[in-house]
Amino acid sequence: MKRIATLTLLLAAGSALAAPFPDGNPKTGKKLFDQYKCNSCHKDKMGGDGSAIFTRRDHRVTSPQGMLEQMTMCSGALGKSLTPQEQQHLGAYLNQRYYKFK
C-alpha cells in the first residue's frame, strides 16, 4: 500500500512539472492576448510588434510563478483584472509560444 501511495505521488508530481498551466488552453490564451492588447506596452518598450520582450536576454520571467506575477502587474497597467482561469489560458499560450517551461 505504501508503494502505491508513493507511486501515485510521483506520478502527480511529474504531471505537475510537465504542465505548468494545466488548466489553460493556448488557443484561448491567444484570443485573450489579442483581446486585451497585451502587447500594447511591449510595442512602446521594444518596438515592432512587441514580442521581442519575451525573447530578450534579460527577460524577467524565469518560471511559471514569475509569469503569473508579471501577468498581474501587466494587467493592472492595462486597467484589467485577470481571473485565475484567464491567467491559466494566457500562461499556456505564452509558454507554448515563447517560454517552454516544463
Protein backbone atom coordinates (compact mmCIF):
# COMPACT_ATOMS: atom_id res chain seq x y z
CA MET A 1 0.00 0.00 0.00
CA LYS A 2 2.85 2.34 0.85
CA ARG A 3 4.42 1.74 -2.58
CA ILE A 4 1.17 2.56 -4.36
CA ALA A 5 0.87 5.85 -2.45
CA THR A 6 4.47 6.74 -3.28
CA LEU A 7 3.98 5.91 -6.95
CA THR A 8 0.80 7.97 -7.08
CA LEU A 9 2.60 10.98 -5.58
CA LEU A 10 5.49 10.65 -8.02
CA LEU A 11 3.14 10.48 -10.99
CA ALA A 12 1.21 13.51 -9.76
CA ALA A 13 4.42 15.47 -9.24
CA GLY A 14 5.64 14.53 -12.71
CA SER A 15 2.38 15.66 -14.27
CA ALA A 16 2.52 18.97 -12.45
CA LEU A 17 6.05 19.54 -13.67
CA ALA A 18 5.13 18.66 -17.25
CA ALA A 19 2.25 21.12 -17.42
CA PRO A 20 2.90 24.45 -15.67
CA PHE A 21 -0.54 25.76 -16.74
CA PRO A 22 -2.63 22.58 -16.66
CA ASP A 23 -5.98 24.33 -16.74
CA GLY A 24 -5.06 26.60 -19.63
CA ASN A 25 -5.80 26.37 -23.33
CA PRO A 26 -3.21 28.04 -25.59
CA LYS A 27 -5.79 28.88 -28.28
CA THR A 28 -8.00 30.63 -25.74
CA GLY A 29 -4.89 32.33 -24.36
CA LYS A 30 -4.03 33.71 -27.80
CA LYS A 31 -7.53 35.14 -28.14
CA LEU A 32 -7.26 36.78 -24.72
CA PHE A 33 -3.78 38.09 -25.55
CA ASP A 34 -5.20 39.81 -28.62
CA GLN A 35 -8.45 40.89 -26.96
CA TYR A 36 -6.68 42.56 -24.02
CA LYS A 37 -3.99 44.01 -26.31
CA CYS A 38 -1.27 42.54 -24.12
CA ASN A 39 1.48 43.69 -26.47
CA SER A 40 0.43 47.36 -26.36
CA CYS A 41 3.02 48.30 -23.71
CA HIS A 42 5.60 45.93 -25.18
CA LYS A 43 5.48 47.79 -28.50
CA ASP A 44 6.49 51.03 -26.79
CA LYS A 45 9.36 49.34 -24.96
CA MET A 46 10.65 47.00 -27.68
CA GLY A 47 9.38 48.34 -31.00
CA GLY A 48 7.93 46.20 -33.75
CA ASP A 49 5.03 44.06 -32.61
CA GLY A 50 6.40 43.97 -29.05
CA SER A 51 7.04 40.23 -28.97
CA ALA A 52 10.79 40.73 -28.55
CA ILE A 53 10.07 41.34 -24.87
CA PHE A 54 9.56 37.61 -24.47
CA THR A 55 12.84 36.56 -26.06
CA ARG A 56 15.29 39.24 -24.89
CA ARG A 57 18.27 38.06 -22.88
CA ASP A 58 17.32 39.95 -19.74
CA HIS A 59 13.68 38.90 -19.61
CA ARG A 60 12.16 38.97 -16.14
CA VAL A 61 10.07 35.84 -16.37
CA THR A 62 12.09 32.77 -15.49
CA SER A 63 9.41 30.48 -14.04
CA PRO A 64 5.68 29.78 -14.32
CA GLN A 65 5.09 31.54 -10.98
CA GLY A 66 7.09 34.52 -12.22
CA MET A 67 4.89 34.63 -15.32
CA LEU A 68 1.75 34.76 -13.19
CA GLU A 69 3.21 37.59 -11.11
CA GLN A 70 4.17 39.51 -14.25
CA MET A 71 0.69 38.98 -15.70
CA THR A 72 -0.82 40.52 -12.59
CA MET A 73 1.45 43.55 -12.90
CA CYS A 74 0.86 43.94 -16.64
CA SER A 75 -2.89 43.53 -16.43
CA GLY A 76 -3.02 46.21 -13.74
CA ALA A 77 -1.10 48.58 -16.02
CA LEU A 78 -3.76 47.96 -18.67
CA GLY A 79 -6.58 48.51 -16.18
CA LYS A 80 -7.65 44.87 -16.36
CA SER A 81 -8.12 42.25 -13.69
CA LEU A 82 -7.45 38.74 -14.97
CA THR A 83 -9.31 35.83 -13.50
CA PRO A 84 -7.27 32.81 -12.43
CA GLN A 85 -8.69 30.93 -15.44
CA GLU A 86 -7.63 33.71 -17.83
CA GLN A 87 -4.15 33.57 -16.32
CA GLN A 88 -4.04 29.84 -16.99
CA HIS A 89 -5.04 30.36 -20.62
CA LEU A 90 -2.57 33.21 -21.15
CA GLY A 91 0.15 31.24 -19.39
CA ALA A 92 -0.49 28.22 -21.59
CA TYR A 93 -0.28 30.39 -24.72
CA LEU A 94 2.86 32.28 -23.69
CA ASN A 95 4.53 29.11 -22.50
CA GLN A 96 3.79 27.28 -25.73
CA ARG A 97 4.83 30.23 -27.91
CA TYR A 98 7.87 31.61 -26.07
CA TYR A 99 8.92 30.17 -22.72
CA LYS A 100 8.72 26.37 -22.88
CA PHE A 101 8.60 25.86 -19.10
CA LYS A 102 8.21 22.23 -18.06
